[in-house]
Amino acid sequence: MARWQPGAAQRLVVAAVDLFTAQGYDATTVTQIAERAGVTKSTFFRHFSDKRELLVAGQETLSRLLAEGIAEAPADATPLRAVAAGLERASSAMGPANRELGPRLRAAVAASTELQERDALKSVGMAEAMTAALVARGIPETTAHLAAELGVLAFKRGYARWSEAGREEAGDLAPHTLTALDELRAASANLG
């Protein structure tokens, strides 16, 4: 086994998702994940504190990108236009590897209560980052929180559509998340 190769964290995530899908989350060990990724167990623990953390790899980066996009939106942007700017910024960081991992990751999460809980915490973190960025723009907290929650839902819906689309029709993630946000905006108008 090579002592060091670039991309260990990404390889660990892919290996874990493959193993979680094939044999279940509970039956998968850190040792198996490390072996499949071609790294040592100590390399695993340099990147992740435990196997649950594999699910949220990149969460801090995603939350930071969402918040940066919101902060950099035009000063006169509505809360949802600012959220759209955050979605565009975060979506631009997602590439083909993220798209191809999506369906397998959703299957692994659906099969494990523990992973479902960790996924919910990931959503909370994204919403908190967007809420804080909107409040920093002077948006009242309740409005900011609602816009952020719509942003999280738009990101999830857009990502699901993008990852399920065929390679030729998938394109970039941003149009999928922005379309989902527009649909949510229209649906909220019918709430009365």
Protein backbone atom coordinates (compact mmCIF):
# COMPACT_ATOMS: atom_id res chain seq x y z
CA MET A 1 0.00 0.00 0.00
CA ALA A 2 1.39 3.40 -0.93
CA ARG A 3 2.22 5.59 2.02
CA TRP A 4 0.40 8.63 0.65
CA GLN A 5 -1.75 9.29 -2.37
CA PRO A 6 -3.82 12.39 -3.05
CA GLY A 7 -7.58 12.26 -2.70
CA ALA A 8 -7.70 9.96 0.32
CA ALA A 9 -10.76 11.66 1.82
CA GLN A 10 -12.74 11.34 -1.41
CA ARG A 11 -11.68 7.71 -1.83
CA LEU A 12 -12.78 7.00 1.74
CA VAL A 13 -16.20 8.52 1.10
CA VAL A 14 -16.70 6.51 -2.09
CA ALA A 15 -15.50 3.30 -0.42
CA ALA A 16 -17.82 3.84 2.53
CA VAL A 17 -20.86 4.55 0.37
CA ASP A 18 -20.13 1.44 -1.70
CA LEU A 19 -19.81 -0.71 1.42
CA PHE A 20 -22.83 0.85 3.17
CA THR A 21 -24.90 0.11 0.05
CA ALA A 22 -23.59 -3.45 -0.38
CA GLN A 23 -23.59 -4.71 3.19
CA GLY A 24 -25.32 -2.06 5.29
CA TYR A 25 -24.02 0.65 7.58
CA ASP A 26 -23.94 -1.46 10.75
CA ALA A 27 -22.03 -4.31 9.10
CA THR A 28 -19.36 -2.01 7.67
CA THR A 29 -16.21 -1.40 9.69
CA VAL A 30 -13.66 1.40 9.55
CA THR A 31 -11.02 -1.20 8.66
CA GLN A 32 -13.05 -2.36 5.65
CA ILE A 33 -13.54 1.22 4.48
CA ALA A 34 -9.83 2.00 4.80
CA GLU A 35 -8.83 -1.19 2.98
CA ARG A 36 -11.25 -0.55 0.13
CA ALA A 37 -9.96 3.02 -0.21
CA GLY A 38 -6.37 1.82 -0.23
CA VAL A 39 -5.33 3.67 2.92
CA THR A 40 -4.41 2.75 6.47
CA LYS A 41 -6.80 2.91 9.39
CA SER A 42 -4.77 5.79 10.84
CA THR A 43 -5.26 7.71 7.57
CA PHE A 44 -8.99 7.19 7.95
CA PHE A 45 -8.87 8.75 11.42
CA ARG A 46 -6.80 11.70 10.16
CA HIS A 47 -9.76 12.60 7.95
CA PHE A 48 -12.79 11.41 9.92
CA SER A 49 -13.53 10.82 13.61
CA ASP A 50 -15.82 7.87 12.85
CA LYS A 51 -17.73 6.27 9.98
CA ARG A 52 -20.79 8.51 10.53
CA GLU A 53 -18.69 11.53 9.63
CA LEU A 54 -18.19 10.21 6.09
CA LEU A 55 -21.77 11.21 5.33
CA VAL A 56 -21.08 14.86 6.02
CA ALA A 57 -17.73 15.10 4.29
CA GLY A 58 -17.63 18.57 2.81
CA GLN A 59 -20.47 19.95 4.93
CA GLU A 60 -18.35 22.80 6.29
CA THR A 61 -17.29 23.75 2.77
CA LEU A 62 -20.86 23.55 1.50
CA SER A 63 -22.16 25.71 4.36
CA ARG A 64 -19.34 28.23 3.84
CA LEU A 65 -20.07 28.47 0.10
CA LEU A 66 -23.79 28.96 0.72
CA ALA A 67 -23.05 31.74 3.23
CA GLU A 68 -20.49 33.42 0.94
CA GLY A 69 -22.92 33.45 -1.96
CA ILE A 70 -25.59 35.03 0.24
CA ALA A 71 -23.15 37.63 1.57
CA GLU A 72 -22.05 38.57 -1.94
CA ALA A 73 -25.57 38.89 -3.37
CA PRO A 74 -26.52 42.41 -4.51
CA ALA A 75 -27.50 44.70 -1.64
CA ASP A 76 -31.08 45.01 -2.93
CA ALA A 77 -31.60 41.24 -3.32
CA THR A 78 -34.66 39.78 -1.65
CA PRO A 79 -34.02 37.03 0.90
CA LEU A 80 -34.79 34.32 -1.68
CA ARG A 81 -32.64 36.01 -4.34
CA ALA A 82 -29.79 36.03 -1.82
CA VAL A 83 -30.43 32.34 -1.12
CA ALA A 84 -30.36 31.74 -4.88
CA ALA A 85 -26.92 33.39 -4.99
CA GLY A 86 -25.81 31.02 -2.22
CA LEU A 87 -27.18 28.02 -4.08
CA GLU A 88 -25.35 29.08 -7.24
CA ARG A 89 -22.06 29.45 -5.35
CA ALA A 90 -22.37 26.08 -3.59
CA SER A 91 -23.60 24.30 -6.71
CA SER A 92 -20.59 25.46 -8.68
CA ALA A 93 -18.36 23.37 -6.40
CA MET A 94 -20.19 20.15 -7.24
CA GLY A 95 -18.83 18.06 -10.08
CA PRO A 96 -19.53 14.74 -11.80
CA ALA A 97 -18.16 12.72 -8.88
CA ASN A 98 -20.74 14.32 -6.58
CA ARG A 99 -23.51 13.61 -9.08
CA GLU A 100 -22.59 9.96 -9.48
CA LEU A 101 -22.36 9.44 -5.72
CA GLY A 102 -25.84 10.85 -5.07
CA PRO A 103 -28.10 7.85 -5.71
CA ARG A 104 -25.84 5.45 -3.78
CA LEU A 105 -25.57 7.87 -0.89
CA ARG A 106 -29.36 8.28 -0.71
CA ALA A 107 -29.76 4.48 -0.70
CA ALA A 108 -27.25 4.12 2.13
CA VAL A 109 -28.97 6.85 4.17
CA ALA A 110 -32.43 5.36 3.56
CA ALA A 111 -31.25 2.02 4.94
CA SER A 112 -29.80 3.35 8.21
CA THR A 113 -31.52 5.24 11.02
CA GLU A 114 -28.16 6.46 12.28
CA LEU A 115 -27.26 7.89 8.86
CA GLN A 116 -30.71 9.49 8.58
CA GLU A 117 -30.07 11.28 11.86
CA ARG A 118 -26.64 12.45 10.67
CA ASP A 119 -28.15 13.64 7.38
CA ALA A 120 -30.75 15.65 9.30
CA LEU A 121 -27.96 17.32 11.28
CA LYS A 122 -26.26 18.20 7.99
CA SER A 123 -29.43 19.96 6.86
CA VAL A 124 -29.59 21.86 10.15
CA GLY A 125 -26.01 23.03 9.66
CA MET A 126 -26.74 24.26 6.15
CA ALA A 127 -29.84 26.13 7.36
CA GLU A 128 -27.92 27.71 10.24
CA ALA A 129 -25.19 28.95 7.90
CA MET A 130 -27.71 30.48 5.50
CA THR A 131 -29.78 31.99 8.32
CA ALA A 132 -26.71 33.65 9.84
CA ALA A 133 -25.67 35.04 6.44
CA LEU A 134 -29.15 36.45 5.85
CA VAL A 135 -29.36 37.98 9.33
CA ALA A 136 -25.97 39.60 8.69
CA ARG A 137 -27.60 41.25 5.64
CA GLY A 138 -30.24 42.77 7.93
CA ILE A 139 -33.01 40.25 7.24
CA PRO A 140 -35.26 39.65 10.29
CA GLU A 141 -34.45 36.30 11.90
CA THR A 142 -37.82 34.61 11.25
CA THR A 143 -37.72 35.59 7.57
CA ALA A 144 -34.08 34.57 7.32
CA HIS A 145 -34.78 31.18 8.88
CA LEU A 146 -37.71 30.52 6.53
CA ALA A 147 -35.68 31.53 3.46
CA ALA A 148 -32.78 29.32 4.64
CA GLU A 149 -35.06 26.32 5.12
CA LEU A 150 -36.43 26.81 1.61
CA GLY A 151 -32.82 26.97 0.43
CA VAL A 152 -32.00 23.65 2.09
CA LEU A 153 -35.07 22.03 0.57
CA ALA A 154 -34.22 23.49 -2.86
CA PHE A 155 -30.65 22.20 -2.61
CA LYS A 156 -31.83 18.71 -1.67
CA ARG A 157 -34.49 18.59 -4.40
CA GLY A 158 -32.16 20.01 -7.02
CA TYR A 159 -29.34 17.64 -6.05
CA ALA A 160 -31.69 14.65 -6.20
CA ARG A 161 -32.87 15.59 -9.70
CA TRP A 162 -29.33 16.27 -10.86
CA SER A 163 -27.93 13.02 -9.55
CA GLU A 164 -30.80 11.00 -11.04
CA ALA A 165 -30.57 12.64 -14.48
CA GLY A 166 -28.75 10.88 -17.26
CA ARG A 167 -25.18 11.98 -17.91
CA GLU A 168 -26.17 13.86 -21.09
CA GLU A 169 -29.05 15.77 -19.50
CA ALA A 170 -27.61 16.44 -16.04
CA GLY A 171 -25.45 19.46 -16.91
CA ASP A 172 -24.46 21.61 -13.94
CA LEU A 173 -26.15 21.44 -10.54
CA ALA A 174 -27.04 25.15 -10.30
CA PRO A 175 -29.97 25.12 -12.76
CA HIS A 176 -31.51 22.21 -10.84
CA THR A 177 -31.27 23.92 -7.44
CA LEU A 178 -32.49 27.26 -8.80
CA THR A 179 -35.46 25.61 -10.52
CA ALA A 180 -36.31 23.84 -7.27
CA LEU A 181 -36.15 27.18 -5.41
CA ASP A 182 -38.46 28.80 -7.97
CA GLU A 183 -40.92 25.90 -7.59
CA LEU A 184 -40.84 26.26 -3.81
CA ARG A 185 -41.39 30.02 -4.08
CA ALA A 186 -44.42 29.45 -6.31
CA ALA A 187 -45.77 26.73 -4.00
CA SER A 188 -45.41 28.97 -0.94
CA ALA A 189 -47.61 31.58 -2.63
CA ASN A 190 -50.44 29.00 -2.45
CA LEU A 191 -50.14 28.52 1.30
CA GLY A 192 -52.60 31.32 1.96
